[in-house]
Amino acid sequence: RLGADLAGQAARALPAARDSAEALVRHLSDVVTQLRIAMFCTGSADLAALRRAPLLSPPGGFWSQSAGMEKPDPSA
């Protein structure tokens, strides 16, 4: 599982790494900051707890509502 997670991150980090070492450090720093924010918002003490944290988005996600789509009826 760790390999898959690292491969997923590599796809996002490669463009920064191609640019410069400083850009890669900025990218990885941003990732760490985003993880810390997500951990704080979900009350997760570590990455394992964050993995188990429930998603905080409504059914169908926010993107569908912002795109003018109707919210799905959960009883249907």
PDB file of N, CA and C in Angstrom:
ATOM      1  N   ARG A   1       0.818  -1.195   0.000  1.00  0.00           N
ATOM      2  CA  ARG A   1       0.000   0.000   0.000  1.00  0.00           C
ATOM      3  C   ARG A   1       0.864   1.263   0.000  1.00  0.00           C
ATOM      4  N   LEU A   2       1.959   1.226   0.718  1.00  0.00           N
ATOM      5  CA  LEU A   2       2.839   2.394   0.751  1.00  0.00           C
ATOM      6  C   LEU A   2       3.367   2.706  -0.641  1.00  0.00           C
ATOM      7  N   GLY A   3       3.676   1.669  -1.398  1.00  0.00           N
ATOM      8  CA  GLY A   3       4.165   1.884  -2.757  1.00  0.00           C
ATOM      9  C   GLY A   3       3.165   2.621  -3.617  1.00  0.00           C
ATOM     10  N   ALA A   4       1.889   2.261  -3.506  1.00  0.00           N
ATOM     11  CA  ALA A   4       0.848   2.932  -4.289  1.00  0.00           C
ATOM     12  C   ALA A   4       0.710   4.387  -3.862  1.00  0.00           C
ATOM     13  N   ASP A   5       0.777   4.632  -2.568  1.00  0.00           N
ATOM     14  CA  ASP A   5       0.688   6.009  -2.077  1.00  0.00           C
ATOM     15  C   ASP A   5       1.856   6.844  -2.589  1.00  0.00           C
ATOM     16  N   LEU A   6       3.051   6.272  -2.546  1.00  0.00           N
ATOM     17  CA  LEU A   6       4.227   7.007  -3.016  1.00  0.00           C
ATOM     18  C   LEU A   6       4.172   7.247  -4.514  1.00  0.00           C
ATOM     19  N   ALA A   7       3.686   6.266  -5.261  1.00  0.00           N
ATOM     20  CA  ALA A   7       3.570   6.446  -6.710  1.00  0.00           C
ATOM     21  C   ALA A   7       2.572   7.556  -7.030  1.00  0.00           C
ATOM     22  N   GLY A   8       1.490   7.619  -6.284  1.00  0.00           N
ATOM     23  CA  GLY A   8       0.500   8.679  -6.492  1.00  0.00           C
ATOM     24  C   GLY A   8       1.077  10.052  -6.209  1.00  0.00           C
ATOM     25  N   GLN A   9       1.902  10.160  -5.206  1.00  0.00           N
ATOM     26  CA  GLN A   9       2.542  11.436  -4.891  1.00  0.00           C
ATOM     27  C   GLN A   9       3.598  11.798  -5.928  1.00  0.00           C
ATOM     28  N   ALA A  10       4.275  10.806  -6.454  1.00  0.00           N
ATOM     29  CA  ALA A  10       5.341  11.076  -7.426  1.00  0.00           C
ATOM     30  C   ALA A  10       4.797  11.777  -8.658  1.00  0.00           C
ATOM     31  N   ALA A  11       3.611  11.383  -9.096  1.00  0.00           N
ATOM     32  CA  ALA A  11       3.025  12.006 -10.284  1.00  0.00           C
ATOM     33  C   ALA A  11       2.814  13.500 -10.071  1.00  0.00           C
ATOM     34  N   ARG A  12       2.523  13.895  -8.843  1.00  0.00           N
ATOM     35  CA  ARG A  12       2.320  15.315  -8.551  1.00  0.00           C
ATOM     36  C   ARG A  12       3.631  16.037  -8.278  1.00  0.00           C
ATOM     37  N   ALA A  13       4.618  15.306  -7.782  1.00  0.00           N
ATOM     38  CA  ALA A  13       5.887  15.936  -7.409  1.00  0.00           C
ATOM     39  C   ALA A  13       6.857  16.072  -8.580  1.00  0.00           C
ATOM     40  N   LEU A  14       6.732  15.222  -9.580  1.00  0.00           N
ATOM     41  CA  LEU A  14       7.693  15.246 -10.691  1.00  0.00           C
ATOM     42  C   LEU A  14       7.780  16.586 -11.413  1.00  0.00           C
ATOM     43  N   PRO A  15       6.662  17.246 -11.723  1.00  0.00           N
ATOM     44  CA  PRO A  15       6.798  18.550 -12.391  1.00  0.00           C
ATOM     45  C   PRO A  15       7.606  19.555 -11.563  1.00  0.00           C
ATOM     46  N   ALA A  16       7.396  19.555 -10.249  1.00  0.00           N
ATOM     47  CA  ALA A  16       8.164  20.460  -9.392  1.00  0.00           C
ATOM     48  C   ALA A  16       9.633  20.058  -9.379  1.00  0.00           C
ATOM     49  N   ALA A  17       9.896  18.755  -9.328  1.00  0.00           N
ATOM     50  CA  ALA A  17      11.284  18.276  -9.309  1.00  0.00           C
ATOM     51  C   ALA A  17      12.003  18.618 -10.606  1.00  0.00           C
ATOM     52  N   ARG A  18      11.279  18.569 -11.711  1.00  0.00           N
ATOM     53  CA  ARG A  18      11.895  18.933 -12.995  1.00  0.00           C
ATOM     54  C   ARG A  18      12.254  20.412 -13.029  1.00  0.00           C
ATOM     55  N   ASP A  19      11.448  21.216 -12.333  1.00  0.00           N
ATOM     56  CA  ASP A  19      11.683  22.664 -12.307  1.00  0.00           C
ATOM     57  C   ASP A  19      12.947  22.988 -11.513  1.00  0.00           C
ATOM     58  N   SER A  20      12.971  22.570 -10.235  1.00  0.00           N
ATOM     59  CA  SER A  20      14.147  22.818  -9.393  1.00  0.00           C
ATOM     60  C   SER A  20      13.975  22.097  -8.063  1.00  0.00           C
ATOM     61  N   ALA A  21      15.078  21.969  -7.346  1.00  0.00           N
ATOM     62  CA  ALA A  21      15.027  21.361  -6.015  1.00  0.00           C
ATOM     63  C   ALA A  21      14.176  22.212  -5.079  1.00  0.00           C
ATOM     64  N   GLU A  22      14.286  23.525  -5.226  1.00  0.00           N
ATOM     65  CA  GLU A  22      13.504  24.426  -4.377  1.00  0.00           C
ATOM     66  C   GLU A  22      12.008  24.258  -4.635  1.00  0.00           C
ATOM     67  N   ALA A  23      11.628  24.085  -5.895  1.00  0.00           N
ATOM     68  CA  ALA A  23      10.214  23.885  -6.228  1.00  0.00           C
ATOM     69  C   ALA A  23       9.706  22.582  -5.634  1.00  0.00           C
ATOM     70  N   LEU A  24      10.533  21.551  -5.640  1.00  0.00           N
ATOM     71  CA  LEU A  24      10.141  20.274  -5.042  1.00  0.00           C
ATOM     72  C   LEU A  24       9.966  20.415  -3.538  1.00  0.00           C
ATOM     73  N   VAL A  25      10.878  21.129  -2.888  1.00  0.00           N
ATOM     74  CA  VAL A  25      10.762  21.352  -1.447  1.00  0.00           C
ATOM     75  C   VAL A  25       9.483  22.125  -1.140  1.00  0.00           C
ATOM     76  N   ARG A  26       9.164  23.147  -1.946  1.00  0.00           N
ATOM     77  CA  ARG A  26       7.919  23.907  -1.746  1.00  0.00           C
ATOM     78  C   ARG A  26       6.707  23.000  -1.905  1.00  0.00           C
ATOM     79  N   HIS A  27       6.721  22.152  -2.943  1.00  0.00           N
ATOM     80  CA  HIS A  27       5.603  21.238  -3.182  1.00  0.00           C
ATOM     81  C   HIS A  27       5.407  20.302  -1.986  1.00  0.00           C
ATOM     82  N   LEU A  28       6.494  19.684  -1.534  1.00  0.00           N
ATOM     83  CA  LEU A  28       6.386  18.745  -0.412  1.00  0.00           C
ATOM     84  C   LEU A  28       5.974  19.456   0.867  1.00  0.00           C
ATOM     85  N   SER A  29       6.438  20.679   1.049  1.00  0.00           N
ATOM     86  CA  SER A  29       6.016  21.470   2.208  1.00  0.00           C
ATOM     87  C   SER A  29       4.519  21.750   2.151  1.00  0.00           C
ATOM     88  N   ASP A  30       4.010  22.049   0.956  1.00  0.00           N
ATOM     89  CA  ASP A  30       2.567  22.266   0.785  1.00  0.00           C
ATOM     90  C   ASP A  30       1.778  20.999   1.106  1.00  0.00           C
ATOM     91  N   VAL A  31       2.284  19.846   0.679  1.00  0.00           N
ATOM     92  CA  VAL A  31       1.612  18.573   0.963  1.00  0.00           C
ATOM     93  C   VAL A  31       1.544  18.347   2.472  1.00  0.00           C
ATOM     94  N   VAL A  32       2.659  18.576   3.164  1.00  0.00           N
ATOM     95  CA  VAL A  32       2.691  18.402   4.617  1.00  0.00           C
ATOM     96  C   VAL A  32       1.703  19.352   5.280  1.00  0.00           C
ATOM     97  N   THR A  33       1.656  20.602   4.839  1.00  0.00           N
ATOM     98  CA  THR A  33       0.715  21.575   5.402  1.00  0.00           C
ATOM     99  C   THR A  33      -0.723  21.126   5.189  1.00  0.00           C
ATOM    100  N   GLN A  34      -1.048  20.656   3.992  1.00  0.00           N
ATOM    101  CA  GLN A  34      -2.405  20.190   3.706  1.00  0.00           C
ATOM    102  C   GLN A  34      -2.771  18.985   4.566  1.00  0.00           C
ATOM    103  N   LEU A  35      -1.834  18.073   4.758  1.00  0.00           N
ATOM    104  CA  LEU A  35      -2.100  16.918   5.617  1.00  0.00           C
ATOM    105  C   LEU A  35      -2.322  17.353   7.061  1.00  0.00           C
ATOM    106  N   ARG A  36      -1.524  18.298   7.540  1.00  0.00           N
ATOM    107  CA  ARG A  36      -1.698  18.789   8.915  1.00  0.00           C
ATOM    108  C   ARG A  36      -3.061  19.449   9.099  1.00  0.00           C
ATOM    109  N   ILE A  37      -3.494  20.214   8.111  1.00  0.00           N
ATOM    110  CA  ILE A  37      -4.811  20.855   8.185  1.00  0.00           C
ATOM    111  C   ILE A  37      -5.903  19.793   8.204  1.00  0.00           C
ATOM    112  N   ALA A  38      -5.800  18.806   7.315  1.00  0.00           N
ATOM    113  CA  ALA A  38      -6.799  17.733   7.273  1.00  0.00           C
ATOM    114  C   ALA A  38      -6.818  16.960   8.586  1.00  0.00           C
ATOM    115  N   MET A  39      -5.645  16.702   9.163  1.00  0.00           N
ATOM    116  CA  MET A  39      -5.577  15.985  10.435  1.00  0.00           C
ATOM    117  C   MET A  39      -6.207  16.808  11.552  1.00  0.00           C
ATOM    118  N   PHE A  40      -5.951  18.099  11.565  1.00  0.00           N
ATOM    119  CA  PHE A  40      -6.551  18.965  12.581  1.00  0.00           C
ATOM    120  C   PHE A  40      -8.070  18.984  12.450  1.00  0.00           C
ATOM    121  N   CYS A  41      -8.554  19.148  11.222  1.00  0.00           N
ATOM    122  CA  CYS A  41     -10.000  19.254  10.987  1.00  0.00           C
ATOM    123  C   CYS A  41     -10.750  17.967  11.313  1.00  0.00           C
ATOM    124  N   THR A  42     -10.077  16.833  11.208  1.00  0.00           N
ATOM    125  CA  THR A  42     -10.731  15.549  11.480  1.00  0.00           C
ATOM    126  C   THR A  42     -10.385  15.000  12.855  1.00  0.00           C
ATOM    127  N   GLY A  43      -9.532  15.697  13.597  1.00  0.00           N
ATOM    128  CA  GLY A  43      -9.131  15.214  14.914  1.00  0.00           C
ATOM    129  C   GLY A  43      -8.233  13.989  14.846  1.00  0.00           C
ATOM    130  N   SER A  44      -7.523  13.829  13.747  1.00  0.00           N
ATOM    131  CA  SER A  44      -6.654  12.663  13.560  1.00  0.00           C
ATOM    132  C   SER A  44      -5.285  12.914  14.182  1.00  0.00           C
ATOM    133  N   ALA A  45      -4.822  11.965  14.987  1.00  0.00           N
ATOM    134  CA  ALA A  45      -3.526  12.101  15.645  1.00  0.00           C
ATOM    135  C   ALA A  45      -2.370  11.726  14.731  1.00  0.00           C
ATOM    136  N   ASP A  46      -2.643  10.899  13.729  1.00  0.00           N
ATOM    137  CA  ASP A  46      -1.591  10.468  12.815  1.00  0.00           C
ATOM    138  C   ASP A  46      -2.203  10.120  11.460  1.00  0.00           C
ATOM    139  N   LEU A  47      -1.351   9.748  10.505  1.00  0.00           N
ATOM    140  CA  LEU A  47      -1.847   9.462   9.156  1.00  0.00           C
ATOM    141  C   LEU A  47      -2.764   8.246   9.125  1.00  0.00           C
ATOM    142  N   ALA A  48      -2.514   7.265   9.988  1.00  0.00           N
ATOM    143  CA  ALA A  48      -3.392   6.092  10.039  1.00  0.00           C
ATOM    144  C   ALA A  48      -4.798   6.506  10.475  1.00  0.00           C
ATOM    145  N   ALA A  49      -4.891   7.397  11.450  1.00  0.00           N
ATOM    146  CA  ALA A  49      -6.198   7.878  11.897  1.00  0.00           C
ATOM    147  C   ALA A  49      -6.862   8.723  10.813  1.00  0.00           C
ATOM    148  N   LEU A  50      -6.072   9.507  10.091  1.00  0.00           N
ATOM    149  CA  LEU A  50      -6.628  10.314   9.002  1.00  0.00           C
ATOM    150  C   LEU A  50      -7.223   9.418   7.923  1.00  0.00           C
ATOM    151  N   ARG A  51      -6.569   8.305   7.647  1.00  0.00           N
ATOM    152  CA  ARG A  51      -7.071   7.351   6.661  1.00  0.00           C
ATOM    153  C   ARG A  51      -8.444   6.799   7.052  1.00  0.00           C
ATOM    154  N   ARG A  52      -8.666   6.646   8.354  1.00  0.00           N
ATOM    155  CA  ARG A  52      -9.938   6.097   8.848  1.00  0.00           C
ATOM    156  C   ARG A  52     -11.006   7.170   9.064  1.00  0.00           C
ATOM    157  N   ALA A  53     -10.629   8.435   8.983  1.00  0.00           N
ATOM    158  CA  ALA A  53     -11.574   9.526   9.252  1.00  0.00           C
ATOM    159  C   ALA A  53     -12.672   9.545   8.190  1.00  0.00           C
ATOM    160  N   PRO A  54     -13.916   9.816   8.620  1.00  0.00           N
ATOM    161  CA  PRO A  54     -15.008   9.879   7.640  1.00  0.00           C
ATOM    162  C   PRO A  54     -14.866  11.099   6.735  1.00  0.00           C
ATOM    163  N   LEU A  55     -15.351  10.961   5.517  1.00  0.00           N
ATOM    164  CA  LEU A  55     -15.350  12.090   4.592  1.00  0.00           C
ATOM    165  C   LEU A  55     -16.379  13.107   5.053  1.00  0.00           C
ATOM    166  N   LEU A  56     -16.076  14.370   4.874  1.00  0.00           N
ATOM    167  CA  LEU A  56     -16.952  15.431   5.355  1.00  0.00           C
ATOM    168  C   LEU A  56     -17.742  16.091   4.238  1.00  0.00           C
ATOM    169  N   SER A  57     -17.839  15.447   3.096  1.00  0.00           N
ATOM    170  CA  SER A  57     -18.586  16.038   1.985  1.00  0.00           C
ATOM    171  C   SER A  57     -19.955  15.377   1.875  1.00  0.00           C
ATOM    172  N   PRO A  58     -20.937  16.107   1.361  1.00  0.00           N
ATOM    173  CA  PRO A  58     -22.278  15.541   1.219  1.00  0.00           C
ATOM    174  C   PRO A  58     -22.310  14.510   0.094  1.00  0.00           C
ATOM    175  N   PRO A  59     -23.352  13.658   0.068  1.00  0.00           N
ATOM    176  CA  PRO A  59     -23.465  12.706  -1.045  1.00  0.00           C
ATOM    177  C   PRO A  59     -23.460  13.451  -2.378  1.00  0.00           C
ATOM    178  N   GLY A  60     -22.691  12.973  -3.311  1.00  0.00           N
ATOM    179  CA  GLY A  60     -22.613  13.640  -4.611  1.00  0.00           C
ATOM    180  C   GLY A  60     -21.527  14.686  -4.677  1.00  0.00           C
ATOM    181  N   GLY A  61     -21.015  15.110  -3.540  1.00  0.00           N
ATOM    182  CA  GLY A  61     -19.921  16.077  -3.506  1.00  0.00           C
ATOM    183  C   GLY A  61     -20.365  17.502  -3.780  1.00  0.00           C
ATOM    184  N   PHE A  62     -19.503  18.430  -3.414  1.00  0.00           N
ATOM    185  CA  PHE A  62     -19.797  19.850  -3.601  1.00  0.00           C
ATOM    186  C   PHE A  62     -19.744  20.259  -5.066  1.00  0.00           C
ATOM    187  N   TRP A  63     -18.898  19.591  -5.854  1.00  0.00           N
ATOM    188  CA  TRP A  63     -18.713  19.998  -7.244  1.00  0.00           C
ATOM    189  C   TRP A  63     -20.014  19.921  -8.013  1.00  0.00           C
ATOM    190  N   SER A  64     -20.853  18.918  -7.734  1.00  0.00           N
ATOM    191  CA  SER A  64     -22.091  18.771  -8.494  1.00  0.00           C
ATOM    192  C   SER A  64     -23.047  19.915  -8.192  1.00  0.00           C
ATOM    193  N   GLN A  65     -23.083  20.357  -6.941  1.00  0.00           N
ATOM    194  CA  GLN A  65     -23.962  21.464  -6.577  1.00  0.00           C
ATOM    195  C   GLN A  65     -23.459  22.768  -7.182  1.00  0.00           C
ATOM    196  N   SER A  66     -22.141  22.967  -7.189  1.00  0.00           N
ATOM    197  CA  SER A  66     -21.613  24.205  -7.754  1.00  0.00           C
ATOM    198  C   SER A  66     -21.749  24.222  -9.269  1.00  0.00           C
ATOM    199  N   ALA A  67     -21.913  23.053  -9.879  1.00  0.00           N
ATOM    200  CA  ALA A  67     -22.097  22.968 -11.327  1.00  0.00           C
ATOM    201  C   ALA A  67     -23.564  23.119 -11.711  1.00  0.00           C
ATOM    202  N   GLY A  68     -24.426  23.391 -10.722  1.00  0.00           N
ATOM    203  CA  GLY A  68     -25.841  23.587 -10.998  1.00  0.00           C
ATOM    204  C   GLY A  68     -26.641  22.303 -11.062  1.00  0.00           C
ATOM    205  N   MET A  69     -26.056  21.211 -10.616  1.00  0.00           N
ATOM    206  CA  MET A  69     -26.768  19.940 -10.629  1.00  0.00           C
ATOM    207  C   MET A  69     -27.581  19.796  -9.349  1.00  0.00           C
ATOM    208  N   GLU A  70     -28.680  19.072  -9.437  1.00  0.00           N
ATOM    209  CA  GLU A  70     -29.503  18.857  -8.252  1.00  0.00           C
ATOM    210  C   GLU A  70     -28.812  17.905  -7.293  1.00  0.00           C
ATOM    211  N   LYS A  71     -29.044  18.134  -6.002  1.00  0.00           N
ATOM    212  CA  LYS A  71     -28.507  17.253  -4.976  1.00  0.00           C
ATOM    213  C   LYS A  71     -29.235  15.914  -5.057  1.00  0.00           C
ATOM    214  N   PRO A  72     -28.501  14.790  -5.015  1.00  0.00           N
ATOM    215  CA  PRO A  72     -29.164  13.493  -5.106  1.00  0.00           C
ATOM    216  C   PRO A  72     -30.061  13.228  -3.905  1.00  0.00           C
ATOM    217  N   ASP A  73     -31.161  12.524  -4.150  1.00  0.00           N
ATOM    218  CA  ASP A  73     -32.088  12.152  -3.085  1.00  0.00           C
ATOM    219  C   ASP A  73     -31.615  10.839  -2.479  1.00  0.00           C
ATOM    220  N   PRO A  74     -31.135  10.854  -1.200  1.00  0.00           N
ATOM    221  CA  PRO A  74     -30.601   9.629  -0.609  1.00  0.00           C
ATOM    222  C   PRO A  74     -31.657   8.549  -0.410  1.00  0.00           C
ATOM    223  N   SER A  75     -32.934   8.916  -0.383  1.00  0.00           N
ATOM    224  CA  SER A  75     -33.988   7.917  -0.168  1.00  0.00           C
ATOM    225  C   SER A  75     -34.393   7.227  -1.462  1.00  0.00           C
ATOM    226  N   ALA A  76     -33.908   7.721  -2.598  1.00  0.00           N
ATOM    227  CA  ALA A  76     -34.307   7.133  -3.889  1.00  0.00           C
ATOM    228  C   ALA A  76     -33.563   5.868  -4.191  1.00  0.00           C
TER     229      ALA A  76
END
